[in-house]
Amino acid sequence: MSKVIVYTNDEGQVVTCHPAPGFDPEEVLLKDCPTDKNPHIEDLSSLPSDTTFRDAWVESGSQVIEDLTKSKEISHGWRREKRQEEFKPHDDIIMKQIPGADATAAEEARAEIRTRYETIQSNIDASTSTDELRTILSAEPFNYNL
């Protein structure tokens, strides 16, 4: 089995160090990892296989798990980015007052986008697992290939 060195850095992020083939994980740990962060060697198979919420990984005892609260924050960030992307053409019409463009239609489109993303926000907030978050993110309007 492939071995990986795991520890949590000062920012609360789980760090994984993958020794190159032929290098002893124990030697890499002693040479390259901060001893004050309690680095330890794990089987690679013990880490979450899906890295969608990699920035939400936390150590819980001897396991690395996806923190639901952090995963929701990540999901909300993607929601805001996607919503802003959809707003942009309508914002341009309204802000630039483009001649011949219908500002009323642009504002109606923005209202529809706001409503859709409020629902998505509520669904993210109500999620009880990262699998539910993946389902939300793999559906319209995200269609992330998770």
N, C-alpha and C. Protein backbone atom coordinates (compact mmCIF):
# COMPACT_ATOMS: atom_id res chain seq x y z
N MET A 1 0.84 -1.19 0.00
CA MET A 1 0.00 0.00 0.00
C MET A 1 0.87 1.24 0.00
N SER A 2 0.37 2.23 -0.63
CA SER A 2 1.07 3.50 -0.70
C SER A 2 0.90 4.25 0.62
N LYS A 3 1.97 4.82 1.08
CA LYS A 3 1.95 5.54 2.36
C LYS A 3 2.01 7.04 2.11
N VAL A 4 1.39 7.80 3.00
CA VAL A 4 1.36 9.25 2.93
C VAL A 4 1.56 9.80 4.34
N ILE A 5 2.22 10.94 4.41
CA ILE A 5 2.43 11.60 5.70
C ILE A 5 1.35 12.66 5.85
N VAL A 6 0.72 12.70 7.01
CA VAL A 6 -0.41 13.60 7.25
C VAL A 6 -0.14 14.44 8.49
N TYR A 7 -0.48 15.75 8.39
CA TYR A 7 -0.46 16.61 9.57
C TYR A 7 -1.32 17.84 9.27
N THR A 8 -1.67 18.57 10.30
CA THR A 8 -2.46 19.80 10.14
C THR A 8 -1.54 20.99 10.34
N ASN A 9 -1.58 21.92 9.37
CA ASN A 9 -0.70 23.10 9.46
C ASN A 9 -1.32 24.19 10.35
N ASP A 10 -0.62 25.31 10.48
CA ASP A 10 -1.08 26.40 11.35
C ASP A 10 -2.39 27.01 10.91
N GLU A 11 -2.74 26.87 9.62
CA GLU A 11 -3.99 27.43 9.10
C GLU A 11 -5.16 26.46 9.25
N GLY A 12 -4.91 25.31 9.84
CA GLY A 12 -5.97 24.33 10.05
C GLY A 12 -6.22 23.45 8.85
N GLN A 13 -5.33 23.47 7.86
CA GLN A 13 -5.49 22.63 6.67
C GLN A 13 -4.71 21.34 6.84
N VAL A 14 -5.32 20.25 6.38
CA VAL A 14 -4.64 18.97 6.41
C VAL A 14 -3.62 18.96 5.27
N VAL A 15 -2.39 18.66 5.61
CA VAL A 15 -1.30 18.57 4.63
C VAL A 15 -1.01 17.10 4.41
N THR A 16 -0.86 16.72 3.15
CA THR A 16 -0.46 15.36 2.82
C THR A 16 0.85 15.43 2.06
N CYS A 17 1.80 14.65 2.50
CA CYS A 17 3.11 14.57 1.87
C CYS A 17 3.27 13.17 1.31
N HIS A 18 3.43 13.09 0.00
CA HIS A 18 3.54 11.80 -0.68
C HIS A 18 5.00 11.54 -1.01
N PRO A 19 5.66 10.67 -0.26
CA PRO A 19 7.07 10.38 -0.57
C PRO A 19 7.22 9.81 -1.97
N ALA A 20 8.25 10.23 -2.65
CA ALA A 20 8.54 9.73 -4.00
C ALA A 20 8.85 8.25 -3.93
N PRO A 21 8.58 7.53 -5.02
CA PRO A 21 8.89 6.09 -5.04
C PRO A 21 10.36 5.85 -4.64
N GLY A 22 10.54 4.86 -3.81
CA GLY A 22 11.87 4.50 -3.38
C GLY A 22 12.33 5.20 -2.11
N PHE A 23 11.55 6.18 -1.65
CA PHE A 23 11.91 6.89 -0.42
C PHE A 23 11.11 6.33 0.75
N ASP A 24 11.78 6.15 1.85
CA ASP A 24 11.15 5.61 3.06
C ASP A 24 10.31 6.72 3.71
N PRO A 25 9.00 6.50 3.87
CA PRO A 25 8.14 7.51 4.48
C PRO A 25 8.63 7.97 5.86
N GLU A 26 9.17 7.04 6.64
CA GLU A 26 9.67 7.38 7.97
C GLU A 26 10.82 8.38 7.88
N GLU A 27 11.72 8.18 6.93
CA GLU A 27 12.85 9.10 6.74
C GLU A 27 12.35 10.46 6.24
N VAL A 28 11.39 10.46 5.32
CA VAL A 28 10.83 11.72 4.80
C VAL A 28 10.17 12.49 5.94
N LEU A 29 9.42 11.78 6.77
CA LEU A 29 8.74 12.41 7.91
C LEU A 29 9.78 13.11 8.80
N LEU A 30 10.83 12.41 9.14
CA LEU A 30 11.84 12.98 10.03
C LEU A 30 12.62 14.12 9.40
N LYS A 31 12.84 14.05 8.10
CA LYS A 31 13.67 15.03 7.41
C LYS A 31 12.88 16.27 6.96
N ASP A 32 11.64 16.06 6.48
CA ASP A 32 10.94 17.14 5.78
C ASP A 32 9.67 17.66 6.44
N CYS A 33 9.21 17.06 7.51
CA CYS A 33 7.94 17.46 8.11
C CYS A 33 8.16 18.15 9.45
N PRO A 34 7.36 19.16 9.74
CA PRO A 34 7.51 19.87 11.02
C PRO A 34 7.12 18.98 12.20
N THR A 35 8.04 18.73 13.07
CA THR A 35 7.79 17.81 14.19
C THR A 35 6.75 18.35 15.16
N ASP A 36 6.59 19.68 15.22
CA ASP A 36 5.62 20.25 16.15
C ASP A 36 4.17 20.12 15.67
N LYS A 37 3.96 19.58 14.48
CA LYS A 37 2.61 19.42 13.92
C LYS A 37 2.10 17.99 14.02
N ASN A 38 2.84 17.15 14.76
CA ASN A 38 2.44 15.76 14.96
C ASN A 38 2.22 15.01 13.65
N PRO A 39 3.20 15.04 12.74
CA PRO A 39 3.03 14.30 11.48
C PRO A 39 3.00 12.80 11.75
N HIS A 40 2.22 12.09 10.96
CA HIS A 40 2.13 10.64 11.11
C HIS A 40 1.91 10.02 9.74
N ILE A 41 2.22 8.76 9.65
CA ILE A 41 2.13 8.04 8.38
C ILE A 41 0.81 7.27 8.34
N GLU A 42 0.13 7.39 7.21
CA GLU A 42 -1.15 6.70 7.00
C GLU A 42 -1.10 5.99 5.65
N ASP A 43 -1.98 5.02 5.48
CA ASP A 43 -2.18 4.43 4.16
C ASP A 43 -2.94 5.44 3.31
N LEU A 44 -2.53 5.60 2.08
CA LEU A 44 -3.22 6.53 1.18
C LEU A 44 -4.70 6.20 1.09
N SER A 45 -5.04 4.92 1.17
CA SER A 45 -6.43 4.50 1.07
C SER A 45 -7.29 4.97 2.24
N SER A 46 -6.67 5.44 3.32
CA SER A 46 -7.44 5.91 4.47
C SER A 46 -7.93 7.35 4.29
N LEU A 47 -7.41 8.05 3.27
CA LEU A 47 -7.85 9.42 3.00
C LEU A 47 -9.12 9.41 2.16
N PRO A 48 -9.93 10.46 2.24
CA PRO A 48 -11.09 10.53 1.35
C PRO A 48 -10.64 10.42 -0.10
N SER A 49 -11.33 9.61 -0.88
CA SER A 49 -10.94 9.40 -2.28
C SER A 49 -11.41 10.54 -3.17
N ASP A 50 -12.44 11.25 -2.77
CA ASP A 50 -12.97 12.38 -3.53
C ASP A 50 -12.35 13.66 -2.97
N THR A 51 -11.72 14.43 -3.83
CA THR A 51 -11.03 15.64 -3.38
C THR A 51 -11.83 16.92 -3.63
N THR A 52 -13.11 16.79 -3.93
CA THR A 52 -13.94 17.98 -4.14
C THR A 52 -13.80 18.96 -2.99
N PHE A 53 -13.87 18.45 -1.79
CA PHE A 53 -13.79 19.29 -0.60
C PHE A 53 -12.44 19.13 0.10
N ARG A 54 -11.38 19.01 -0.67
CA ARG A 54 -10.03 18.82 -0.14
C ARG A 54 -9.68 19.89 0.89
N ASP A 55 -10.09 21.12 0.64
CA ASP A 55 -9.78 22.21 1.58
C ASP A 55 -10.62 22.15 2.86
N ALA A 56 -11.53 21.19 2.92
CA ALA A 56 -12.36 21.02 4.12
C ALA A 56 -11.94 19.78 4.91
N TRP A 57 -10.85 19.16 4.52
CA TRP A 57 -10.38 17.99 5.27
C TRP A 57 -9.89 18.42 6.64
N VAL A 58 -10.22 17.61 7.64
CA VAL A 58 -9.73 17.82 9.00
C VAL A 58 -9.36 16.45 9.57
N GLU A 59 -8.47 16.49 10.55
CA GLU A 59 -8.13 15.26 11.24
C GLU A 59 -9.11 15.08 12.40
N SER A 60 -9.65 13.89 12.48
CA SER A 60 -10.57 13.54 13.56
C SER A 60 -10.07 12.23 14.14
N GLY A 61 -9.35 12.35 15.23
CA GLY A 61 -8.70 11.16 15.78
C GLY A 61 -7.64 10.70 14.81
N SER A 62 -7.73 9.45 14.39
CA SER A 62 -6.74 8.92 13.45
C SER A 62 -7.25 8.95 12.01
N GLN A 63 -8.37 9.61 11.77
CA GLN A 63 -8.96 9.67 10.43
C GLN A 63 -8.88 11.08 9.87
N VAL A 64 -8.87 11.16 8.54
CA VAL A 64 -9.04 12.43 7.84
C VAL A 64 -10.45 12.39 7.26
N ILE A 65 -11.25 13.40 7.61
CA ILE A 65 -12.64 13.45 7.16
C ILE A 65 -12.92 14.81 6.53
N GLU A 66 -14.05 14.90 5.84
CA GLU A 66 -14.51 16.17 5.27
C GLU A 66 -15.38 16.87 6.32
N ASP A 67 -14.97 18.06 6.71
CA ASP A 67 -15.74 18.84 7.67
C ASP A 67 -16.94 19.44 6.93
N LEU A 68 -18.14 19.16 7.42
CA LEU A 68 -19.36 19.60 6.74
C LEU A 68 -19.46 21.12 6.71
N THR A 69 -19.15 21.79 7.81
CA THR A 69 -19.25 23.26 7.84
C THR A 69 -18.31 23.89 6.82
N LYS A 70 -17.07 23.42 6.78
CA LYS A 70 -16.11 23.94 5.80
C LYS A 70 -16.55 23.60 4.38
N SER A 71 -17.10 22.42 4.18
CA SER A 71 -17.58 22.02 2.85
C SER A 71 -18.73 22.91 2.39
N LYS A 72 -19.59 23.30 3.32
CA LYS A 72 -20.68 24.22 2.97
C LYS A 72 -20.11 25.59 2.58
N GLU A 73 -19.09 26.06 3.31
CA GLU A 73 -18.47 27.34 2.96
C GLU A 73 -17.89 27.29 1.55
N ILE A 74 -17.23 26.20 1.21
CA ILE A 74 -16.68 26.03 -0.13
C ILE A 74 -17.81 26.05 -1.16
N SER A 75 -18.88 25.32 -0.88
CA SER A 75 -20.04 25.26 -1.79
C SER A 75 -20.64 26.64 -1.98
N HIS A 76 -20.77 27.40 -0.90
CA HIS A 76 -21.32 28.75 -1.02
C HIS A 76 -20.41 29.65 -1.86
N GLY A 77 -19.12 29.47 -1.74
CA GLY A 77 -18.19 30.24 -2.58
C GLY A 77 -18.42 29.95 -4.05
N TRP A 78 -18.56 28.67 -4.39
CA TRP A 78 -18.84 28.31 -5.78
C TRP A 78 -20.20 28.83 -6.22
N ARG A 79 -21.17 28.82 -5.30
CA ARG A 79 -22.51 29.34 -5.62
C ARG A 79 -22.43 30.83 -5.96
N ARG A 80 -21.70 31.58 -5.14
CA ARG A 80 -21.56 33.02 -5.38
C ARG A 80 -20.85 33.29 -6.71
N GLU A 81 -19.80 32.52 -7.01
CA GLU A 81 -19.08 32.71 -8.27
C GLU A 81 -19.99 32.44 -9.47
N LYS A 82 -20.74 31.35 -9.40
CA LYS A 82 -21.63 30.98 -10.52
C LYS A 82 -22.75 32.01 -10.68
N ARG A 83 -23.31 32.47 -9.57
CA ARG A 83 -24.36 33.49 -9.62
C ARG A 83 -23.82 34.77 -10.24
N GLN A 84 -22.63 35.19 -9.83
CA GLN A 84 -22.02 36.40 -10.38
C GLN A 84 -21.79 36.27 -11.88
N GLU A 85 -21.38 35.09 -12.31
CA GLU A 85 -21.17 34.82 -13.73
C GLU A 85 -22.47 35.00 -14.51
N GLU A 86 -23.57 34.53 -13.93
CA GLU A 86 -24.87 34.67 -14.59
C GLU A 86 -25.39 36.11 -14.54
N PHE A 87 -25.06 36.83 -13.49
CA PHE A 87 -25.47 38.24 -13.36
C PHE A 87 -24.77 39.14 -14.38
N LYS A 88 -23.52 38.84 -14.71
CA LYS A 88 -22.66 39.76 -15.44
C LYS A 88 -23.29 40.37 -16.70
N PRO A 89 -23.83 39.59 -17.62
CA PRO A 89 -24.38 40.25 -18.83
C PRO A 89 -25.54 41.19 -18.51
N HIS A 90 -26.31 40.86 -17.49
CA HIS A 90 -27.45 41.71 -17.12
C HIS A 90 -26.96 42.95 -16.36
N ASP A 91 -25.93 42.78 -15.54
CA ASP A 91 -25.33 43.91 -14.84
C ASP A 91 -24.78 44.92 -15.84
N ASP A 92 -24.13 44.41 -16.89
CA ASP A 92 -23.56 45.30 -17.91
C ASP A 92 -24.64 46.16 -18.55
N ILE A 93 -25.77 45.55 -18.87
CA ILE A 93 -26.87 46.30 -19.50
C ILE A 93 -27.36 47.39 -18.55
N ILE A 94 -27.54 47.06 -17.30
CA ILE A 94 -28.06 48.02 -16.33
C ILE A 94 -27.04 49.11 -16.01
N MET A 95 -25.81 48.71 -15.72
CA MET A 95 -24.79 49.70 -15.31
C MET A 95 -24.34 50.58 -16.47
N LYS A 96 -24.18 50.01 -17.64
CA LYS A 96 -23.65 50.77 -18.77
C LYS A 96 -24.75 51.48 -19.55
N GLN A 97 -26.00 51.17 -19.21
CA GLN A 97 -27.15 51.75 -19.90
C GLN A 97 -26.95 51.66 -21.41
N ILE A 98 -26.75 50.44 -21.87
CA ILE A 98 -26.47 50.18 -23.29
C ILE A 98 -27.70 50.53 -24.12
N PRO A 99 -27.52 51.43 -25.10
CA PRO A 99 -28.65 51.82 -25.96
C PRO A 99 -29.26 50.61 -26.66
N GLY A 100 -30.56 50.56 -26.71
CA GLY A 100 -31.26 49.48 -27.38
C GLY A 100 -31.42 48.24 -26.53
N ALA A 101 -30.80 48.23 -25.36
CA ALA A 101 -30.92 47.08 -24.47
C ALA A 101 -32.06 47.35 -23.48
N ASP A 102 -32.78 46.33 -23.16
CA ASP A 102 -33.94 46.46 -22.29
C ASP A 102 -33.52 46.26 -20.83
N ALA A 103 -33.40 47.38 -20.11
CA ALA A 103 -32.98 47.32 -18.71
C ALA A 103 -34.02 46.62 -17.84
N THR A 104 -35.30 46.75 -18.19
CA THR A 104 -36.35 46.09 -17.43
C THR A 104 -36.22 44.57 -17.55
N ALA A 105 -35.99 44.10 -18.76
CA ALA A 105 -35.81 42.66 -18.98
C ALA A 105 -34.56 42.16 -18.25
N ALA A 106 -33.51 42.98 -18.24
CA ALA A 106 -32.28 42.60 -17.54
C ALA A 106 -32.53 42.48 -16.04
N GLU A 107 -33.31 43.41 -15.48
CA GLU A 107 -33.61 43.35 -14.05
C GLU A 107 -34.51 42.16 -13.73
N GLU A 108 -35.43 41.84 -14.63
CA GLU A 108 -36.29 40.66 -14.42
C GLU A 108 -35.45 39.37 -14.44
N ALA A 109 -34.47 39.32 -15.33
CA ALA A 109 -33.57 38.17 -15.41
C ALA A 109 -32.75 38.06 -14.12
N ARG A 110 -32.29 39.21 -13.63
CA ARG A 110 -31.52 39.21 -12.38
C ARG A 110 -32.39 38.72 -11.21
N ALA A 111 -33.64 39.09 -11.18
CA ALA A 111 -34.55 38.65 -10.11
C ALA A 111 -34.74 37.13 -10.15
N GLU A 112 -34.86 36.58 -11.36
CA GLU A 112 -35.01 35.13 -11.52
C GLU A 112 -33.74 34.42 -11.05
N ILE A 113 -32.59 34.97 -11.39
CA ILE A 113 -31.31 34.39 -10.97
C ILE A 113 -31.21 34.43 -9.45
N ARG A 114 -31.56 35.58 -8.85
CA ARG A 114 -31.51 35.70 -7.38
C ARG A 114 -32.38 34.64 -6.72
N THR A 115 -33.61 34.45 -7.22
CA THR A 115 -34.53 33.48 -6.65
C THR A 115 -33.96 32.06 -6.75
N ARG A 116 -33.42 31.72 -7.91
CA ARG A 116 -32.85 30.38 -8.11
C ARG A 116 -31.69 30.13 -7.15
N TYR A 117 -30.84 31.13 -6.99
CA TYR A 117 -29.67 30.95 -6.13
C TYR A 117 -30.02 31.03 -4.64
N GLU A 118 -31.12 31.68 -4.30
CA GLU A 118 -31.59 31.64 -2.91
C GLU A 118 -32.01 30.22 -2.55
N THR A 119 -32.64 29.54 -3.50
CA THR A 119 -33.03 28.15 -3.29
C THR A 119 -31.80 27.27 -3.12
N ILE A 120 -30.80 27.48 -3.98
CA ILE A 120 -29.56 26.72 -3.88
C ILE A 120 -28.90 26.99 -2.53
N GLN A 121 -28.89 28.25 -2.11
CA GLN A 121 -28.30 28.61 -0.82
C GLN A 121 -29.01 27.85 0.31
N SER A 122 -30.32 27.83 0.27
CA SER A 122 -31.09 27.11 1.29
C SER A 122 -30.78 25.62 1.27
N ASN A 123 -30.64 25.05 0.07
CA ASN A 123 -30.33 23.63 -0.05
C ASN A 123 -28.95 23.31 0.52
N ILE A 124 -27.99 24.19 0.26
CA ILE A 124 -26.65 23.98 0.82
C ILE A 124 -26.73 24.05 2.34
N ASP A 125 -27.39 25.08 2.85
CA ASP A 125 -27.50 25.23 4.31
C ASP A 125 -28.18 24.04 4.97
N ALA A 126 -29.15 23.44 4.30
CA ALA A 126 -29.91 22.33 4.87
C ALA A 126 -29.21 20.98 4.71
N SER A 127 -28.15 20.94 3.95
CA SER A 127 -27.44 19.66 3.71
C SER A 127 -26.91 19.09 5.02
N THR A 128 -27.03 17.78 5.11
CA THR A 128 -26.54 17.10 6.31
C THR A 128 -25.33 16.23 6.02
N SER A 129 -24.86 16.25 4.77
CA SER A 129 -23.67 15.47 4.42
C SER A 129 -22.99 16.09 3.20
N THR A 130 -21.73 15.74 3.04
CA THR A 130 -21.01 16.23 1.85
C THR A 130 -21.53 15.55 0.59
N ASP A 131 -22.11 14.36 0.71
CA ASP A 131 -22.71 13.72 -0.46
C ASP A 131 -23.89 14.54 -0.97
N GLU A 132 -24.68 15.10 -0.06
CA GLU A 132 -25.79 15.98 -0.48
C GLU A 132 -25.24 17.22 -1.18
N LEU A 133 -24.15 17.76 -0.67
CA LEU A 133 -23.53 18.92 -1.32
C LEU A 133 -23.06 18.56 -2.73
N ARG A 134 -22.48 17.39 -2.90
CA ARG A 134 -22.04 16.95 -4.23
C ARG A 134 -23.22 16.85 -5.18
N THR A 135 -24.36 16.37 -4.68
CA THR A 135 -25.56 16.28 -5.51
C THR A 135 -25.99 17.66 -5.97
N ILE A 136 -25.97 18.63 -5.08
CA ILE A 136 -26.34 20.01 -5.43
C ILE A 136 -25.38 20.56 -6.47
N LEU A 137 -24.10 20.32 -6.27
CA LEU A 137 -23.08 20.88 -7.16
C LEU A 137 -23.02 20.18 -8.51
N SER A 138 -23.54 18.97 -8.59
CA SER A 138 -23.51 18.28 -9.88
C SER A 138 -24.78 18.53 -10.69
N ALA A 139 -25.74 19.27 -10.13
CA ALA A 139 -26.98 19.60 -10.82
C ALA A 139 -26.88 20.99 -11.44
N GLU A 140 -27.89 21.37 -12.20
CA GLU A 140 -27.96 22.73 -12.74
C GLU A 140 -27.96 23.72 -11.59
N PRO A 141 -27.37 24.85 -11.67
CA PRO A 141 -26.63 25.40 -12.81
C PRO A 141 -25.14 25.07 -12.77
N PHE A 142 -24.70 24.31 -11.77
CA PHE A 142 -23.27 24.06 -11.62
C PHE A 142 -22.76 23.04 -12.63
N ASN A 143 -23.37 21.86 -12.62
CA ASN A 143 -22.93 20.78 -13.47
C ASN A 143 -21.46 20.45 -13.31
N TYR A 144 -20.96 20.59 -12.09
CA TYR A 144 -19.58 20.22 -11.84
C TYR A 144 -19.46 18.71 -12.00
N ASN A 145 -18.44 18.28 -12.66
CA ASN A 145 -18.19 16.84 -12.82
C ASN A 145 -17.44 16.35 -11.61
N LEU A 146 -18.17 16.02 -10.59
CA LEU A 146 -17.56 15.58 -9.34
C LEU A 146 -17.34 14.10 -9.35
